[in-house]
Amino acid sequence: MKTRSPQQNNRKELLRYAGLGTQIMAALALSVFAGIRLDKWLYTFPLLSCVLPLLVLTALFYKLFRETGK
């Protein structure tokens, strides 16, 4: 049975968390953009621009805790 070296394990974890960070940043950017566009369309400027990113953060942190709590 082959065992992985600590360097390979560290690289795997680094790539895992780098991907997760990229996912969080992309989701936040998309939610801010969508919030601004919806606010302009509904004439409720600061409301959805603030609420949508908070909802996305809540969902992402829930997902993060579920994935890392194994």
PDB file of N, CA and C in Angstrom:
ATOM      1  N   MET A   1       0.836  -1.173   0.000  1.00  0.00           N
ATOM      2  CA  MET A   1       0.000   0.000   0.000  1.00  0.00           C
ATOM      3  C   MET A   1       0.883   1.240   0.000  1.00  0.00           C
ATOM      4  N   LYS A   2       0.588   2.159  -0.922  1.00  0.00           N
ATOM      5  CA  LYS A   2       1.391   3.373  -1.023  1.00  0.00           C
ATOM      6  C   LYS A   2       0.872   4.417  -0.051  1.00  0.00           C
ATOM      7  N   THR A   3       1.796   5.137   0.534  1.00  0.00           N
ATOM      8  CA  THR A   3       1.417   6.257   1.386  1.00  0.00           C
ATOM      9  C   THR A   3       1.869   7.533   0.708  1.00  0.00           C
ATOM     10  N   ARG A   4       1.098   8.552   0.900  1.00  0.00           N
ATOM     11  CA  ARG A   4       1.445   9.840   0.299  1.00  0.00           C
ATOM     12  C   ARG A   4       2.408  10.590   1.204  1.00  0.00           C
ATOM     13  N   SER A   5       3.282  11.323   0.566  1.00  0.00           N
ATOM     14  CA  SER A   5       4.212  12.131   1.343  1.00  0.00           C
ATOM     15  C   SER A   5       3.470  13.351   1.894  1.00  0.00           C
ATOM     16  N   PRO A   6       3.987  13.943   2.977  1.00  0.00           N
ATOM     17  CA  PRO A   6       3.340  15.138   3.527  1.00  0.00           C
ATOM     18  C   PRO A   6       3.246  16.278   2.519  1.00  0.00           C
ATOM     19  N   GLN A   7       4.206  16.358   1.604  1.00  0.00           N
ATOM     20  CA  GLN A   7       4.183  17.429   0.610  1.00  0.00           C
ATOM     21  C   GLN A   7       2.997  17.248  -0.342  1.00  0.00           C
ATOM     22  N   GLN A   8       2.688  16.022  -0.724  1.00  0.00           N
ATOM     23  CA  GLN A   8       1.547  15.766  -1.601  1.00  0.00           C
ATOM     24  C   GLN A   8       0.238  16.076  -0.882  1.00  0.00           C
ATOM     25  N   ASN A   9       0.151  15.724   0.395  1.00  0.00           N
ATOM     26  CA  ASN A   9      -1.053  16.023   1.165  1.00  0.00           C
ATOM     27  C   ASN A   9      -1.252  17.525   1.316  1.00  0.00           C
ATOM     28  N   ASN A  10      -0.158  18.257   1.555  1.00  0.00           N
ATOM     29  CA  ASN A  10      -0.250  19.713   1.682  1.00  0.00           C
ATOM     30  C   ASN A  10      -0.687  20.353   0.373  1.00  0.00           C
ATOM     31  N   ARG A  11      -0.187  19.845  -0.722  1.00  0.00           N
ATOM     32  CA  ARG A  11      -0.556  20.392  -2.029  1.00  0.00           C
ATOM     33  C   ARG A  11      -2.043  20.147  -2.309  1.00  0.00           C
ATOM     34  N   LYS A  12      -2.513  18.971  -1.959  1.00  0.00           N
ATOM     35  CA  LYS A  12      -3.927  18.641  -2.167  1.00  0.00           C
ATOM     36  C   LYS A  12      -4.816  19.574  -1.343  1.00  0.00           C
ATOM     37  N   GLU A  13      -4.456  19.795  -0.097  1.00  0.00           N
ATOM     38  CA  GLU A  13      -5.230  20.697   0.764  1.00  0.00           C
ATOM     39  C   GLU A  13      -5.164  22.136   0.268  1.00  0.00           C
ATOM     40  N   LEU A  14      -4.000  22.554  -0.204  1.00  0.00           N
ATOM     41  CA  LEU A  14      -3.847  23.904  -0.738  1.00  0.00           C
ATOM     42  C   LEU A  14      -4.757  24.120  -1.943  1.00  0.00           C
ATOM     43  N   LEU A  15      -4.781  23.173  -2.854  1.00  0.00           N
ATOM     44  CA  LEU A  15      -5.641  23.284  -4.031  1.00  0.00           C
ATOM     45  C   LEU A  15      -7.120  23.251  -3.641  1.00  0.00           C
ATOM     46  N   ARG A  16      -7.452  22.462  -2.654  1.00  0.00           N
ATOM     47  CA  ARG A  16      -8.844  22.372  -2.202  1.00  0.00           C
ATOM     48  C   ARG A  16      -9.320  23.723  -1.667  1.00  0.00           C
ATOM     49  N   TYR A  17      -8.532  24.329  -0.813  1.00  0.00           N
ATOM     50  CA  TYR A  17      -8.943  25.595  -0.207  1.00  0.00           C
ATOM     51  C   TYR A  17      -8.790  26.777  -1.172  1.00  0.00           C
ATOM     52  N   ALA A  18      -7.874  26.694  -2.098  1.00  0.00           N
ATOM     53  CA  ALA A  18      -7.769  27.742  -3.117  1.00  0.00           C
ATOM     54  C   ALA A  18      -9.008  27.725  -4.009  1.00  0.00           C
ATOM     55  N   GLY A  19      -9.479  26.550  -4.342  1.00  0.00           N
ATOM     56  CA  GLY A  19     -10.705  26.427  -5.123  1.00  0.00           C
ATOM     57  C   GLY A  19     -11.910  26.932  -4.359  1.00  0.00           C
ATOM     58  N   LEU A  20     -11.959  26.643  -3.082  1.00  0.00           N
ATOM     59  CA  LEU A  20     -13.063  27.114  -2.245  1.00  0.00           C
ATOM     60  C   LEU A  20     -13.054  28.635  -2.129  1.00  0.00           C
ATOM     61  N   GLY A  21     -11.879  29.215  -1.987  1.00  0.00           N
ATOM     62  CA  GLY A  21     -11.768  30.674  -1.918  1.00  0.00           C
ATOM     63  C   GLY A  21     -12.194  31.335  -3.212  1.00  0.00           C
ATOM     64  N   THR A  22     -11.816  30.721  -4.332  1.00  0.00           N
ATOM     65  CA  THR A  22     -12.233  31.244  -5.631  1.00  0.00           C
ATOM     66  C   THR A  22     -13.740  31.161  -5.784  1.00  0.00           C
ATOM     67  N   GLN A  23     -14.325  30.077  -5.328  1.00  0.00           N
ATOM     68  CA  GLN A  23     -15.772  29.911  -5.400  1.00  0.00           C
ATOM     69  C   GLN A  23     -16.487  30.972  -4.565  1.00  0.00           C
ATOM     70  N   ILE A  24     -15.979  31.258  -3.385  1.00  0.00           N
ATOM     71  CA  ILE A  24     -16.593  32.270  -2.519  1.00  0.00           C
ATOM     72  C   ILE A  24     -16.505  33.654  -3.159  1.00  0.00           C
ATOM     73  N   MET A  25     -15.339  33.999  -3.687  1.00  0.00           N
ATOM     74  CA  MET A  25     -15.170  35.314  -4.309  1.00  0.00           C
ATOM     75  C   MET A  25     -16.067  35.475  -5.536  1.00  0.00           C
ATOM     76  N   ALA A  26     -16.169  34.434  -6.352  1.00  0.00           N
ATOM     77  CA  ALA A  26     -17.016  34.513  -7.549  1.00  0.00           C
ATOM     78  C   ALA A  26     -18.491  34.630  -7.165  1.00  0.00           C
ATOM     79  N   ALA A  27     -18.914  33.884  -6.160  1.00  0.00           N
ATOM     80  CA  ALA A  27     -20.313  33.946  -5.729  1.00  0.00           C
ATOM     81  C   ALA A  27     -20.651  35.312  -5.146  1.00  0.00           C
ATOM     82  N   LEU A  28     -19.731  35.890  -4.382  1.00  0.00           N
ATOM     83  CA  LEU A  28     -19.974  37.221  -3.820  1.00  0.00           C
ATOM     84  C   LEU A  28     -20.023  38.285  -4.912  1.00  0.00           C
ATOM     85  N   ALA A  29     -19.104  38.211  -5.854  1.00  0.00           N
ATOM     86  CA  ALA A  29     -19.101  39.187  -6.946  1.00  0.00           C
ATOM     87  C   ALA A  29     -20.386  39.091  -7.766  1.00  0.00           C
ATOM     88  N   LEU A  30     -20.824  37.884  -8.035  1.00  0.00           N
ATOM     89  CA  LEU A  30     -22.054  37.688  -8.793  1.00  0.00           C
ATOM     90  C   LEU A  30     -23.275  38.187  -8.031  1.00  0.00           C
ATOM     91  N   SER A  31     -23.306  37.954  -6.719  1.00  0.00           N
ATOM     92  CA  SER A  31     -24.458  38.399  -5.928  1.00  0.00           C
ATOM     93  C   SER A  31     -24.496  39.922  -5.801  1.00  0.00           C
ATOM     94  N   VAL A  32     -23.354  40.563  -5.691  1.00  0.00           N
ATOM     95  CA  VAL A  32     -23.328  42.030  -5.641  1.00  0.00           C
ATOM     96  C   VAL A  32     -23.789  42.602  -6.982  1.00  0.00           C
ATOM     97  N   PHE A  33     -23.276  42.041  -8.070  1.00  0.00           N
ATOM     98  CA  PHE A  33     -23.679  42.497  -9.395  1.00  0.00           C
ATOM     99  C   PHE A  33     -25.186  42.307  -9.601  1.00  0.00           C
ATOM    100  N   ALA A  34     -25.695  41.135  -9.239  1.00  0.00           N
ATOM    101  CA  ALA A  34     -27.132  40.871  -9.390  1.00  0.00           C
ATOM    102  C   ALA A  34     -27.950  41.790  -8.497  1.00  0.00           C
ATOM    103  N   GLY A  35     -27.470  42.058  -7.285  1.00  0.00           N
ATOM    104  CA  GLY A  35     -28.174  42.951  -6.375  1.00  0.00           C
ATOM    105  C   GLY A  35     -28.266  44.368  -6.907  1.00  0.00           C
ATOM    106  N   ILE A  36     -27.189  44.852  -7.471  1.00  0.00           N
ATOM    107  CA  ILE A  36     -27.191  46.205  -8.036  1.00  0.00           C
ATOM    108  C   ILE A  36     -28.137  46.281  -9.230  1.00  0.00           C
ATOM    109  N   ARG A  37     -28.077  45.278 -10.108  1.00  0.00           N
ATOM    110  CA  ARG A  37     -28.960  45.274 -11.274  1.00  0.00           C
ATOM    111  C   ARG A  37     -30.435  45.191 -10.853  1.00  0.00           C
ATOM    112  N   LEU A  38     -30.749  44.335  -9.879  1.00  0.00           N
ATOM    113  CA  LEU A  38     -32.134  44.220  -9.409  1.00  0.00           C
ATOM    114  C   LEU A  38     -32.593  45.496  -8.708  1.00  0.00           C
ATOM    115  N   ASP A  39     -31.697  46.127  -7.965  1.00  0.00           N
ATOM    116  CA  ASP A  39     -32.051  47.389  -7.300  1.00  0.00           C
ATOM    117  C   ASP A  39     -32.373  48.480  -8.310  1.00  0.00           C
ATOM    118  N   LYS A  40     -31.616  48.536  -9.387  1.00  0.00           N
ATOM    119  CA  LYS A  40     -31.909  49.532 -10.425  1.00  0.00           C
ATOM    120  C   LYS A  40     -33.240  49.239 -11.099  1.00  0.00           C
ATOM    121  N   TRP A  41     -33.537  47.957 -11.293  1.00  0.00           N
ATOM    122  CA  TRP A  41     -34.767  47.576 -11.956  1.00  0.00           C
ATOM    123  C   TRP A  41     -35.990  47.804 -11.060  1.00  0.00           C
ATOM    124  N   LEU A  42     -35.842  47.546  -9.755  1.00  0.00           N
ATOM    125  CA  LEU A  42     -36.952  47.685  -8.812  1.00  0.00           C
ATOM    126  C   LEU A  42     -36.971  49.029  -8.087  1.00  0.00           C
ATOM    127  N   TYR A  43     -35.983  49.885  -8.343  1.00  0.00           N
ATOM    128  CA  TYR A  43     -35.860  51.203  -7.683  1.00  0.00           C
ATOM    129  C   TYR A  43     -35.788  51.085  -6.152  1.00  0.00           C
ATOM    130  N   THR A  44     -35.005  50.147  -5.665  1.00  0.00           N
ATOM    131  CA  THR A  44     -34.780  49.967  -4.223  1.00  0.00           C
ATOM    132  C   THR A  44     -33.276  49.909  -3.971  1.00  0.00           C
ATOM    133  N   PHE A  45     -32.558  50.978  -4.298  1.00  0.00           N
ATOM    134  CA  PHE A  45     -31.113  50.881  -4.471  1.00  0.00           C
ATOM    135  C   PHE A  45     -30.336  50.116  -3.402  1.00  0.00           C
ATOM    136  N   PRO A  46     -30.245  50.498  -2.151  1.00  0.00           N
ATOM    137  CA  PRO A  46     -29.277  49.772  -1.316  1.00  0.00           C
ATOM    138  C   PRO A  46     -29.796  48.449  -0.757  1.00  0.00           C
ATOM    139  N   LEU A  47     -31.042  48.132  -0.959  1.00  0.00           N
ATOM    140  CA  LEU A  47     -31.628  46.963  -0.296  1.00  0.00           C
ATOM    141  C   LEU A  47     -31.038  45.641  -0.793  1.00  0.00           C
ATOM    142  N   LEU A  48     -31.228  45.305  -2.027  1.00  0.00           N
ATOM    143  CA  LEU A  48     -30.776  44.008  -2.540  1.00  0.00           C
ATOM    144  C   LEU A  48     -29.263  43.952  -2.712  1.00  0.00           C
ATOM    145  N   SER A  49     -28.643  45.102  -2.865  1.00  0.00           N
ATOM    146  CA  SER A  49     -27.180  45.123  -2.962  1.00  0.00           C
ATOM    147  C   SER A  49     -26.535  44.667  -1.660  1.00  0.00           C
ATOM    148  N   CYS A  50     -27.233  44.829  -0.562  1.00  0.00           N
ATOM    149  CA  CYS A  50     -26.717  44.402   0.742  1.00  0.00           C
ATOM    150  C   CYS A  50     -27.240  43.026   1.151  1.00  0.00           C
ATOM    151  N   VAL A  51     -28.482  42.748   0.828  1.00  0.00           N
ATOM    152  CA  VAL A  51     -29.116  41.512   1.297  1.00  0.00           C
ATOM    153  C   VAL A  51     -28.614  40.283   0.535  1.00  0.00           C
ATOM    154  N   LEU A  52     -28.500  40.375  -0.785  1.00  0.00           N
ATOM    155  CA  LEU A  52     -28.076  39.209  -1.567  1.00  0.00           C
ATOM    156  C   LEU A  52     -26.689  38.689  -1.175  1.00  0.00           C
ATOM    157  N   PRO A  53     -25.666  39.543  -1.036  1.00  0.00           N
ATOM    158  CA  PRO A  53     -24.366  39.008  -0.602  1.00  0.00           C
ATOM    159  C   PRO A  53     -24.412  38.372   0.793  1.00  0.00           C
ATOM    160  N   LEU A  54     -25.232  38.923   1.688  1.00  0.00           N
ATOM    161  CA  LEU A  54     -25.355  38.313   3.014  1.00  0.00           C
ATOM    162  C   LEU A  54     -25.993  36.937   2.937  1.00  0.00           C
ATOM    163  N   LEU A  55     -26.992  36.780   2.098  1.00  0.00           N
ATOM    164  CA  LEU A  55     -27.619  35.472   1.914  1.00  0.00           C
ATOM    165  C   LEU A  55     -26.635  34.475   1.295  1.00  0.00           C
ATOM    166  N   VAL A  56     -25.861  34.936   0.333  1.00  0.00           N
ATOM    167  CA  VAL A  56     -24.869  34.068  -0.308  1.00  0.00           C
ATOM    168  C   VAL A  56     -23.791  33.662   0.693  1.00  0.00           C
ATOM    169  N   LEU A  57     -23.330  34.599   1.496  1.00  0.00           N
ATOM    170  CA  LEU A  57     -22.327  34.269   2.524  1.00  0.00           C
ATOM    171  C   LEU A  57     -22.861  33.254   3.516  1.00  0.00           C
ATOM    172  N   THR A  58     -24.099  33.430   3.931  1.00  0.00           N
ATOM    173  CA  THR A  58     -24.710  32.490   4.860  1.00  0.00           C
ATOM    174  C   THR A  58     -24.762  31.089   4.260  1.00  0.00           C
ATOM    175  N   ALA A  59     -25.193  30.989   3.013  1.00  0.00           N
ATOM    176  CA  ALA A  59     -25.269  29.689   2.350  1.00  0.00           C
ATOM    177  C   ALA A  59     -23.880  29.074   2.155  1.00  0.00           C
ATOM    178  N   LEU A  60     -22.903  29.891   1.799  1.00  0.00           N
ATOM    179  CA  LEU A  60     -21.555  29.370   1.582  1.00  0.00           C
ATOM    180  C   LEU A  60     -20.901  28.912   2.876  1.00  0.00           C
ATOM    181  N   PHE A  61     -21.099  29.652   3.955  1.00  0.00           N
ATOM    182  CA  PHE A  61     -20.535  29.217   5.239  1.00  0.00           C
ATOM    183  C   PHE A  61     -21.212  27.952   5.743  1.00  0.00           C
ATOM    184  N   TYR A  62     -22.507  27.821   5.501  1.00  0.00           N
ATOM    185  CA  TYR A  62     -23.207  26.586   5.859  1.00  0.00           C
ATOM    186  C   TYR A  62     -22.616  25.417   5.084  1.00  0.00           C
ATOM    187  N   LYS A  63     -22.403  25.620   3.782  1.00  0.00           N
ATOM    188  CA  LYS A  63     -21.805  24.580   2.950  1.00  0.00           C
ATOM    189  C   LYS A  63     -20.387  24.246   3.429  1.00  0.00           C
ATOM    190  N   LEU A  64     -19.618  25.266   3.766  1.00  0.00           N
ATOM    191  CA  LEU A  64     -18.251  25.061   4.242  1.00  0.00           C
ATOM    192  C   LEU A  64     -18.227  24.249   5.527  1.00  0.00           C
ATOM    193  N   PHE A  65     -19.075  24.571   6.474  1.00  0.00           N
ATOM    194  CA  PHE A  65     -19.114  23.831   7.726  1.00  0.00           C
ATOM    195  C   PHE A  65     -19.571  22.395   7.515  1.00  0.00           C
ATOM    196  N   ARG A  66     -20.480  22.176   6.581  1.00  0.00           N
ATOM    197  CA  ARG A  66     -20.937  20.812   6.283  1.00  0.00           C
ATOM    198  C   ARG A  66     -19.809  19.997   5.654  1.00  0.00           C
ATOM    199  N   GLU A  67     -19.028  20.603   4.747  1.00  0.00           N
ATOM    200  CA  GLU A  67     -17.961  19.887   4.062  1.00  0.00           C
ATOM    201  C   GLU A  67     -16.775  19.591   4.966  1.00  0.00           C
ATOM    202  N   THR A  68     -16.406  20.518   5.828  1.00  0.00           N
ATOM    203  CA  THR A  68     -15.207  20.329   6.647  1.00  0.00           C
ATOM    204  C   THR A  68     -15.515  19.665   7.977  1.00  0.00           C
ATOM    205  N   GLY A  69     -16.763  19.467   8.306  1.00  0.00           N
ATOM    206  CA  GLY A  69     -17.122  18.863   9.579  1.00  0.00           C
ATOM    207  C   GLY A  69     -17.213  17.352   9.541  1.00  0.00           C
ATOM    208  N   LYS A  70     -16.641  16.731   8.531  1.00  0.00           N
ATOM    209  CA  LYS A  70     -16.715  15.266   8.402  1.00  0.00           C
ATOM    210  C   LYS A  70     -15.882  14.560   9.423  1.00  0.00           C
TER     211      LYS A  70
END
